[in-house]
mmCIF file of all heavy atoms, coordinates in Angstrom:
data_MODEL
# 
_entry.id   MODEL 
# 
loop_
_atom_site.group_PDB 
_atom_site.id 
_atom_site.type_symbol 
_atom_site.label_atom_id 
_atom_site.label_alt_id 
_atom_site.label_comp_id 
_atom_site.label_asym_id 
_atom_site.label_entity_id 
_atom_site.label_seq_id 
_atom_site.pdbx_PDB_ins_code 
_atom_site.Cartn_x 
_atom_site.Cartn_y 
_atom_site.Cartn_z 
_atom_site.occupancy 
_atom_site.B_iso_or_equiv 
_atom_site.pdbx_formal_charge 
_atom_site.auth_seq_id 
_atom_site.auth_comp_id 
_atom_site.auth_asym_id 
_atom_site.auth_atom_id 
_atom_site.pdbx_PDB_model_num 
ATOM 1   N N   . ALA A 1 1  ? 38.852 45.553 24.138 1.00 0.00 ? 1  ALA A N   1 
ATOM 2   C CA  . ALA A 1 1  ? 38.279 46.444 25.138 1.00 0.00 ? 1  ALA A CA  1 
ATOM 3   C C   . ALA A 1 1  ? 39.011 47.771 25.038 1.00 0.00 ? 1  ALA A C   1 
ATOM 4   O O   . ALA A 1 1  ? 40.206 47.818 24.741 1.00 0.00 ? 1  ALA A O   1 
ATOM 5   C CB  . ALA A 1 1  ? 38.451 45.846 26.528 1.00 0.00 ? 1  ALA A CB  1 
ATOM 6   N N   . ALA A 1 2  ? 38.295 48.826 25.261 1.00 0.00 ? 2  ALA A N   1 
ATOM 7   C CA  . ALA A 1 2  ? 38.899 50.154 25.152 1.00 0.00 ? 2  ALA A CA  1 
ATOM 8   C C   . ALA A 1 2  ? 39.891 50.371 26.280 1.00 0.00 ? 2  ALA A C   1 
ATOM 9   O O   . ALA A 1 2  ? 39.658 49.972 27.418 1.00 0.00 ? 2  ALA A O   1 
ATOM 10  C CB  . ALA A 1 2  ? 37.810 51.208 25.208 1.00 0.00 ? 2  ALA A CB  1 
ATOM 11  N N   . LEU A 1 3  ? 40.995 50.998 25.926 1.00 0.00 ? 3  LEU A N   1 
ATOM 12  C CA  . LEU A 1 3  ? 41.982 51.367 26.929 1.00 0.00 ? 3  LEU A CA  1 
ATOM 13  C C   . LEU A 1 3  ? 41.528 52.655 27.604 1.00 0.00 ? 3  LEU A C   1 
ATOM 14  O O   . LEU A 1 3  ? 40.746 53.418 27.041 1.00 0.00 ? 3  LEU A O   1 
ATOM 15  C CB  . LEU A 1 3  ? 43.349 51.581 26.277 1.00 0.00 ? 3  LEU A CB  1 
ATOM 16  C CG  . LEU A 1 3  ? 44.022 50.328 25.734 1.00 0.00 ? 3  LEU A CG  1 
ATOM 17  C CD1 . LEU A 1 3  ? 45.276 50.700 24.960 1.00 0.00 ? 3  LEU A CD1 1 
ATOM 18  C CD2 . LEU A 1 3  ? 44.365 49.363 26.843 1.00 0.00 ? 3  LEU A CD2 1 
ATOM 19  N N   . PRO A 1 4  ? 42.026 52.923 28.809 1.00 0.00 ? 4  PRO A N   1 
ATOM 20  C CA  . PRO A 1 4  ? 41.647 54.152 29.485 1.00 0.00 ? 4  PRO A CA  1 
ATOM 21  C C   . PRO A 1 4  ? 42.062 55.388 28.682 1.00 0.00 ? 4  PRO A C   1 
ATOM 22  O O   . PRO A 1 4  ? 42.887 55.301 27.776 1.00 0.00 ? 4  PRO A O   1 
ATOM 23  C CB  . PRO A 1 4  ? 42.423 54.097 30.803 1.00 0.00 ? 4  PRO A CB  1 
ATOM 24  C CG  . PRO A 1 4  ? 42.909 52.716 30.944 1.00 0.00 ? 4  PRO A CG  1 
ATOM 25  C CD  . PRO A 1 4  ? 42.937 52.110 29.579 1.00 0.00 ? 4  PRO A CD  1 
ATOM 26  N N   . GLU A 1 5  ? 41.498 56.522 29.036 1.00 0.00 ? 5  GLU A N   1 
ATOM 27  C CA  . GLU A 1 5  ? 41.816 57.792 28.382 1.00 0.00 ? 5  GLU A CA  1 
ATOM 28  C C   . GLU A 1 5  ? 43.322 58.002 28.352 1.00 0.00 ? 5  GLU A C   1 
ATOM 29  O O   . GLU A 1 5  ? 44.028 57.683 29.301 1.00 0.00 ? 5  GLU A O   1 
ATOM 30  C CB  . GLU A 1 5  ? 41.144 58.945 29.147 1.00 0.00 ? 5  GLU A CB  1 
ATOM 31  C CG  . GLU A 1 5  ? 41.166 60.261 28.431 1.00 0.00 ? 5  GLU A CG  1 
ATOM 32  C CD  . GLU A 1 5  ? 40.372 60.240 27.134 1.00 0.00 ? 5  GLU A CD  1 
ATOM 33  O OE1 . GLU A 1 5  ? 39.345 59.547 27.074 1.00 0.00 ? 5  GLU A OE1 1 
ATOM 34  O OE2 . GLU A 1 5  ? 40.789 60.905 26.187 1.00 0.00 ? 5  GLU A OE2 1 
ATOM 35  N N   . GLY A 1 6  ? 43.831 58.548 27.269 1.00 0.00 ? 6  GLY A N   1 
ATOM 36  C CA  . GLY A 1 6  ? 45.266 58.808 27.147 1.00 0.00 ? 6  GLY A CA  1 
ATOM 37  C C   . GLY A 1 6  ? 46.058 57.592 26.721 1.00 0.00 ? 6  GLY A C   1 
ATOM 38  O O   . GLY A 1 6  ? 47.241 57.500 26.975 1.00 0.00 ? 6  GLY A O   1 
ATOM 39  N N   . HIS A 1 7  ? 45.400 56.627 26.075 1.00 0.00 ? 7  HIS A N   1 
ATOM 40  C CA  . HIS A 1 7  ? 46.081 55.402 25.672 1.00 0.00 ? 7  HIS A CA  1 
ATOM 41  C C   . HIS A 1 7  ? 47.206 55.699 24.682 1.00 0.00 ? 7  HIS A C   1 
ATOM 42  O O   . HIS A 1 7  ? 47.193 56.690 23.986 1.00 0.00 ? 7  HIS A O   1 
ATOM 43  C CB  . HIS A 1 7  ? 45.085 54.402 25.087 1.00 0.00 ? 7  HIS A CB  1 
ATOM 44  C CG  . HIS A 1 7  ? 44.422 54.879 23.840 1.00 0.00 ? 7  HIS A CG  1 
ATOM 45  N ND1 . HIS A 1 7  ? 43.348 55.727 23.866 1.00 0.00 ? 7  HIS A ND1 1 
ATOM 46  C CD2 . HIS A 1 7  ? 44.695 54.645 22.543 1.00 0.00 ? 7  HIS A CD2 1 
ATOM 47  C CE1 . HIS A 1 7  ? 42.981 55.982 22.631 1.00 0.00 ? 7  HIS A CE1 1 
ATOM 48  N NE2 . HIS A 1 7  ? 43.778 55.341 21.809 1.00 0.00 ? 7  HIS A NE2 1 
ATOM 49  N N   . SER A 1 8  ? 48.149 54.813 24.650 1.00 0.00 ? 8  SER A N   1 
ATOM 50  C CA  . SER A 1 8  ? 49.292 54.982 23.761 1.00 0.00 ? 8  SER A CA  1 
ATOM 51  C C   . SER A 1 8  ? 49.186 54.028 22.578 1.00 0.00 ? 8  SER A C   1 
ATOM 52  O O   . SER A 1 8  ? 48.527 52.989 22.647 1.00 0.00 ? 8  SER A O   1 
ATOM 53  C CB  . SER A 1 8  ? 50.595 54.704 24.520 1.00 0.00 ? 8  SER A CB  1 
ATOM 54  O OG  . SER A 1 8  ? 50.703 53.330 24.827 1.00 0.00 ? 8  SER A OG  1 
ATOM 55  N N   . ALA A 1 9  ? 49.843 54.399 21.493 1.00 0.00 ? 9  ALA A N   1 
ATOM 56  C CA  . ALA A 1 9  ? 49.866 53.542 20.303 1.00 0.00 ? 9  ALA A CA  1 
ATOM 57  C C   . ALA A 1 9  ? 50.527 52.209 20.634 1.00 0.00 ? 9  ALA A C   1 
ATOM 58  O O   . ALA A 1 9  ? 50.110 51.160 20.134 1.00 0.00 ? 9  ALA A O   1 
ATOM 59  C CB  . ALA A 1 9  ? 50.599 54.245 19.165 1.00 0.00 ? 9  ALA A CB  1 
ATOM 60  N N   . LEU A 1 10 ? 51.533 52.230 21.479 1.00 0.00 ? 10 LEU A N   1 
ATOM 61  C CA  . LEU A 1 10 ? 52.242 51.010 21.879 1.00 0.00 ? 10 LEU A CA  1 
ATOM 62  C C   . LEU A 1 10 ? 51.293 50.041 22.589 1.00 0.00 ? 10 LEU A C   1 
ATOM 63  O O   . LEU A 1 10 ? 51.257 48.853 22.270 1.00 0.00 ? 10 LEU A O   1 
ATOM 64  C CB  . LEU A 1 10 ? 53.419 51.364 22.793 1.00 0.00 ? 10 LEU A CB  1 
ATOM 65  C CG  . LEU A 1 10 ? 54.313 50.207 23.196 1.00 0.00 ? 10 LEU A CG  1 
ATOM 66  C CD1 . LEU A 1 10 ? 55.173 49.790 22.006 1.00 0.00 ? 10 LEU A CD1 1 
ATOM 67  C CD2 . LEU A 1 10 ? 55.176 50.601 24.364 1.00 0.00 ? 10 LEU A CD2 1 
ATOM 68  N N   . ALA A 1 11 ? 50.508 50.566 23.516 1.00 0.00 ? 11 ALA A N   1 
ATOM 69  C CA  . ALA A 1 11 ? 49.564 49.712 24.237 1.00 0.00 ? 11 ALA A CA  1 
ATOM 70  C C   . ALA A 1 11 ? 48.488 49.187 23.296 1.00 0.00 ? 11 ALA A C   1 
ATOM 71  O O   . ALA A 1 11 ? 48.042 48.045 23.435 1.00 0.00 ? 11 ALA A O   1 
ATOM 72  C CB  . ALA A 1 11 ? 48.940 50.484 25.400 1.00 0.00 ? 11 ALA A CB  1 
ATOM 73  N N   . GLU A 1 12 ? 48.077 49.996 22.334 1.00 0.00 ? 12 GLU A N   1 
ATOM 74  C CA  . GLU A 1 12 ? 47.090 49.531 21.349 1.00 0.00 ? 12 GLU A CA  1 
ATOM 75  C C   . GLU A 1 12 ? 47.651 48.391 20.506 1.00 0.00 ? 12 GLU A C   1 
ATOM 76  O O   . GLU A 1 12 ? 46.964 47.411 20.232 1.00 0.00 ? 12 GLU A O   1 
ATOM 77  C CB  . GLU A 1 12 ? 46.664 50.677 20.436 1.00 0.00 ? 12 GLU A CB  1 
ATOM 78  C CG  . GLU A 1 12 ? 45.644 51.592 21.052 1.00 0.00 ? 12 GLU A CG  1 
ATOM 79  C CD  . GLU A 1 12 ? 45.126 52.619 20.065 1.00 0.00 ? 12 GLU A CD  1 
ATOM 80  O OE1 . GLU A 1 12 ? 45.413 52.528 18.849 1.00 0.00 ? 12 GLU A OE1 1 
ATOM 81  O OE2 . GLU A 1 12 ? 44.424 53.521 20.516 1.00 0.00 ? 12 GLU A OE2 1 
ATOM 82  N N   . GLN A 1 13 ? 48.906 48.511 20.089 1.00 0.00 ? 13 GLN A N   1 
ATOM 83  C CA  . GLN A 1 13 ? 49.534 47.449 19.301 1.00 0.00 ? 13 GLN A CA  1 
ATOM 84  C C   . GLN A 1 13 ? 49.640 46.173 20.124 1.00 0.00 ? 13 GLN A C   1 
ATOM 85  O O   . GLN A 1 13 ? 49.366 45.080 19.623 1.00 0.00 ? 13 GLN A O   1 
ATOM 86  C CB  . GLN A 1 13 ? 50.922 47.883 18.827 1.00 0.00 ? 13 GLN A CB  1 
ATOM 87  C CG  . GLN A 1 13 ? 50.900 48.971 17.788 1.00 0.00 ? 13 GLN A CG  1 
ATOM 88  C CD  . GLN A 1 13 ? 52.298 49.498 17.504 1.00 0.00 ? 13 GLN A CD  1 
ATOM 89  O OE1 . GLN A 1 13 ? 53.253 49.247 18.241 1.00 0.00 ? 13 GLN A OE1 1 
ATOM 90  N NE2 . GLN A 1 13 ? 52.429 50.246 16.419 1.00 0.00 ? 13 GLN A NE2 1 
ATOM 91  N N   . ALA A 1 14 ? 50.051 46.310 21.366 1.00 0.00 ? 14 ALA A N   1 
ATOM 92  C CA  . ALA A 1 14 ? 50.164 45.139 22.239 1.00 0.00 ? 14 ALA A CA  1 
ATOM 93  C C   . ALA A 1 14 ? 48.786 44.515 22.437 1.00 0.00 ? 14 ALA A C   1 
ATOM 94  O O   . ALA A 1 14 ? 48.636 43.292 22.356 1.00 0.00 ? 14 ALA A O   1 
ATOM 95  C CB  . ALA A 1 14 ? 50.774 45.534 23.582 1.00 0.00 ? 14 ALA A CB  1 
ATOM 96  N N   . GLY A 1 15 ? 47.782 45.354 22.684 1.00 0.00 ? 15 GLY A N   1 
ATOM 97  C CA  . GLY A 1 15 ? 46.422 44.845 22.869 1.00 0.00 ? 15 GLY A CA  1 
ATOM 98  C C   . GLY A 1 15 ? 45.933 44.075 21.658 1.00 0.00 ? 15 GLY A C   1 
ATOM 99  O O   . GLY A 1 15 ? 45.293 43.037 21.793 1.00 0.00 ? 15 GLY A O   1 
ATOM 100 N N   . ALA A 1 16 ? 46.255 44.572 20.466 1.00 0.00 ? 16 ALA A N   1 
ATOM 101 C CA  . ALA A 1 16 ? 45.863 43.876 19.237 1.00 0.00 ? 16 ALA A CA  1 
ATOM 102 C C   . ALA A 1 16 ? 46.553 42.515 19.146 1.00 0.00 ? 16 ALA A C   1 
ATOM 103 O O   . ALA A 1 16 ? 45.940 41.520 18.744 1.00 0.00 ? 16 ALA A O   1 
ATOM 104 C CB  . ALA A 1 16 ? 46.183 44.730 18.020 1.00 0.00 ? 16 ALA A CB  1 
ATOM 105 N N   . ALA A 1 17 ? 47.817 42.461 19.536 1.00 0.00 ? 17 ALA A N   1 
ATOM 106 C CA  . ALA A 1 17 ? 48.539 41.186 19.526 1.00 0.00 ? 17 ALA A CA  1 
ATOM 107 C C   . ALA A 1 17 ? 47.943 40.223 20.555 1.00 0.00 ? 17 ALA A C   1 
ATOM 108 O O   . ALA A 1 17 ? 47.828 39.015 20.293 1.00 0.00 ? 17 ALA A O   1 
ATOM 109 C CB  . ALA A 1 17 ? 50.024 41.420 19.808 1.00 0.00 ? 17 ALA A CB  1 
ATOM 110 N N   . PHE A 1 18 ? 47.545 40.754 21.705 1.00 0.00 ? 18 PHE A N   1 
ATOM 111 C CA  . PHE A 1 18 ? 46.918 39.909 22.727 1.00 0.00 ? 18 PHE A CA  1 
ATOM 112 C C   . PHE A 1 18 ? 45.610 39.326 22.203 1.00 0.00 ? 18 PHE A C   1 
ATOM 113 O O   . PHE A 1 18 ? 45.320 38.144 22.396 1.00 0.00 ? 18 PHE A O   1 
ATOM 114 C CB  . PHE A 1 18 ? 46.626 40.714 24.003 1.00 0.00 ? 18 PHE A CB  1 
ATOM 115 C CG  . PHE A 1 18 ? 47.831 41.294 24.693 1.00 0.00 ? 18 PHE A CG  1 
ATOM 116 C CD1 . PHE A 1 18 ? 47.696 42.387 25.522 1.00 0.00 ? 18 PHE A CD1 1 
ATOM 117 C CD2 . PHE A 1 18 ? 49.100 40.757 24.518 1.00 0.00 ? 18 PHE A CD2 1 
ATOM 118 C CE1 . PHE A 1 18 ? 48.778 42.935 26.181 1.00 0.00 ? 18 PHE A CE1 1 
ATOM 119 C CE2 . PHE A 1 18 ? 50.203 41.298 25.163 1.00 0.00 ? 18 PHE A CE2 1 
ATOM 120 C CZ  . PHE A 1 18 ? 50.043 42.389 26.000 1.00 0.00 ? 18 PHE A CZ  1 
ATOM 121 N N   . VAL A 1 19 ? 44.817 40.150 21.536 1.00 0.00 ? 19 VAL A N   1 
ATOM 122 C CA  . VAL A 1 19 ? 43.527 39.706 20.994 1.00 0.00 ? 19 VAL A CA  1 
ATOM 123 C C   . VAL A 1 19 ? 43.735 38.604 19.957 1.00 0.00 ? 19 VAL A C   1 
ATOM 124 O O   . VAL A 1 19 ? 42.999 37.618 19.931 1.00 0.00 ? 19 VAL A O   1 
ATOM 125 C CB  . VAL A 1 19 ? 42.730 40.894 20.414 1.00 0.00 ? 19 VAL A CB  1 
ATOM 126 C CG1 . VAL A 1 19 ? 41.545 40.419 19.587 1.00 0.00 ? 19 VAL A CG1 1 
ATOM 127 C CG2 . VAL A 1 19 ? 42.250 41.802 21.533 1.00 0.00 ? 19 VAL A CG2 1 
ATOM 128 N N   . GLU A 1 20 ? 44.751 38.749 19.126 1.00 0.00 ? 20 GLU A N   1 
ATOM 129 C CA  . GLU A 1 20 ? 45.045 37.706 18.138 1.00 0.00 ? 20 GLU A CA  1 
ATOM 130 C C   . GLU A 1 20 ? 45.360 36.385 18.822 1.00 0.00 ? 20 GLU A C   1 
ATOM 131 O O   . GLU A 1 20 ? 44.927 35.315 18.372 1.00 0.00 ? 20 GLU A O   1 
ATOM 132 C CB  . GLU A 1 20 ? 46.216 38.127 17.253 1.00 0.00 ? 20 GLU A CB  1 
ATOM 133 C CG  . GLU A 1 20 ? 45.865 39.185 16.232 1.00 0.00 ? 20 GLU A CG  1 
ATOM 134 C CD  . GLU A 1 20 ? 47.057 39.578 15.374 1.00 0.00 ? 20 GLU A CD  1 
ATOM 135 O OE1 . GLU A 1 20 ? 47.988 38.762 15.222 1.00 0.00 ? 20 GLU A OE1 1 
ATOM 136 O OE2 . GLU A 1 20 ? 47.051 40.704 14.862 1.00 0.00 ? 20 GLU A OE2 1 
ATOM 137 N N   . SER A 1 21 ? 46.103 36.444 19.918 1.00 0.00 ? 21 SER A N   1 
ATOM 138 C CA  . SER A 1 21 ? 46.450 35.229 20.644 1.00 0.00 ? 21 SER A CA  1 
ATOM 139 C C   . SER A 1 21 ? 45.213 34.598 21.289 1.00 0.00 ? 21 SER A C   1 
ATOM 140 O O   . SER A 1 21 ? 45.037 33.380 21.256 1.00 0.00 ? 21 SER A O   1 
ATOM 141 C CB  . SER A 1 21 ? 47.504 35.542 21.712 1.00 0.00 ? 21 SER A CB  1 
ATOM 142 O OG  . SER A 1 21 ? 47.954 34.354 22.306 1.00 0.00 ? 21 SER A OG  1 
ATOM 143 N N   . ILE A 1 22 ? 44.335 35.433 21.837 1.00 0.00 ? 22 ILE A N   1 
ATOM 144 C CA  . ILE A 1 22 ? 43.104 34.925 22.434 1.00 0.00 ? 22 ILE A CA  1 
ATOM 145 C C   . ILE A 1 22 ? 42.217 34.302 21.364 1.00 0.00 ? 22 ILE A C   1 
ATOM 146 O O   . ILE A 1 22 ? 41.640 33.225 21.565 1.00 0.00 ? 22 ILE A O   1 
ATOM 147 C CB  . ILE A 1 22 ? 42.364 36.051 23.189 1.00 0.00 ? 22 ILE A CB  1 
ATOM 148 C CG1 . ILE A 1 22 ? 43.193 36.504 24.398 1.00 0.00 ? 22 ILE A CG1 1 
ATOM 149 C CG2 . ILE A 1 22 ? 40.976 35.598 23.627 1.00 0.00 ? 22 ILE A CG2 1 
ATOM 150 C CD1 . ILE A 1 22 ? 42.702 37.795 25.034 1.00 0.00 ? 22 ILE A CD1 1 
ATOM 151 N N   . ASP A 1 23 ? 42.115 34.943 20.217 1.00 0.00 ? 23 ASP A N   1 
ATOM 152 C CA  . ASP A 1 23 ? 41.336 34.386 19.112 1.00 0.00 ? 23 ASP A CA  1 
ATOM 153 C C   . ASP A 1 23 ? 41.897 33.041 18.662 1.00 0.00 ? 23 ASP A C   1 
ATOM 154 O O   . ASP A 1 23 ? 41.137 32.100 18.386 1.00 0.00 ? 23 ASP A O   1 
ATOM 155 C CB  . ASP A 1 23 ? 41.300 35.347 17.923 1.00 0.00 ? 23 ASP A CB  1 
ATOM 156 C CG  . ASP A 1 23 ? 40.374 36.530 18.147 1.00 0.00 ? 23 ASP A CG  1 
ATOM 157 O OD1 . ASP A 1 23 ? 39.537 36.483 19.064 1.00 0.00 ? 23 ASP A OD1 1 
ATOM 158 O OD2 . ASP A 1 23 ? 40.496 37.510 17.388 1.00 0.00 ? 23 ASP A OD2 1 
ATOM 159 N N   . ALA A 1 24 ? 43.215 32.946 18.583 1.00 0.00 ? 24 ALA A N   1 
ATOM 160 C CA  . ALA A 1 24 ? 43.850 31.684 18.183 1.00 0.00 ? 24 ALA A CA  1 
ATOM 161 C C   . ALA A 1 24 ? 43.534 30.586 19.199 1.00 0.00 ? 24 ALA A C   1 
ATOM 162 O O   . ALA A 1 24 ? 43.278 29.434 18.818 1.00 0.00 ? 24 ALA A O   1 
ATOM 163 C CB  . ALA A 1 24 ? 45.356 31.873 18.041 1.00 0.00 ? 24 ALA A CB  1 
ATOM 164 N N   . PHE A 1 25 ? 43.527 30.940 20.483 1.00 0.00 ? 25 PHE A N   1 
ATOM 165 C CA  . PHE A 1 25 ? 43.151 29.970 21.507 1.00 0.00 ? 25 PHE A CA  1 
ATOM 166 C C   . PHE A 1 25 ? 41.714 29.497 21.277 1.00 0.00 ? 25 PHE A C   1 
ATOM 167 O O   . PHE A 1 25 ? 41.431 28.296 21.317 1.00 0.00 ? 25 PHE A O   1 
ATOM 168 C CB  . PHE A 1 25 ? 43.277 30.561 22.912 1.00 0.00 ? 25 PHE A CB  1 
ATOM 169 C CG  . PHE A 1 25 ? 42.619 29.714 23.967 1.00 0.00 ? 25 PHE A CG  1 
ATOM 170 C CD1 . PHE A 1 25 ? 43.221 28.542 24.402 1.00 0.00 ? 25 PHE A CD1 1 
ATOM 171 C CD2 . PHE A 1 25 ? 41.389 30.062 24.496 1.00 0.00 ? 25 PHE A CD2 1 
ATOM 172 C CE1 . PHE A 1 25 ? 42.596 27.731 25.348 1.00 0.00 ? 25 PHE A CE1 1 
ATOM 173 C CE2 . PHE A 1 25 ? 40.764 29.268 25.436 1.00 0.00 ? 25 PHE A CE2 1 
ATOM 174 C CZ  . PHE A 1 25 ? 41.372 28.100 25.873 1.00 0.00 ? 25 PHE A CZ  1 
# 
């Protein structure tokens, strides 16, 4: 899901890691 305007690279990396965990589930 898109992060709000002004998103940070750190939050994008964390979001990608979260998505990987959800996919694994």
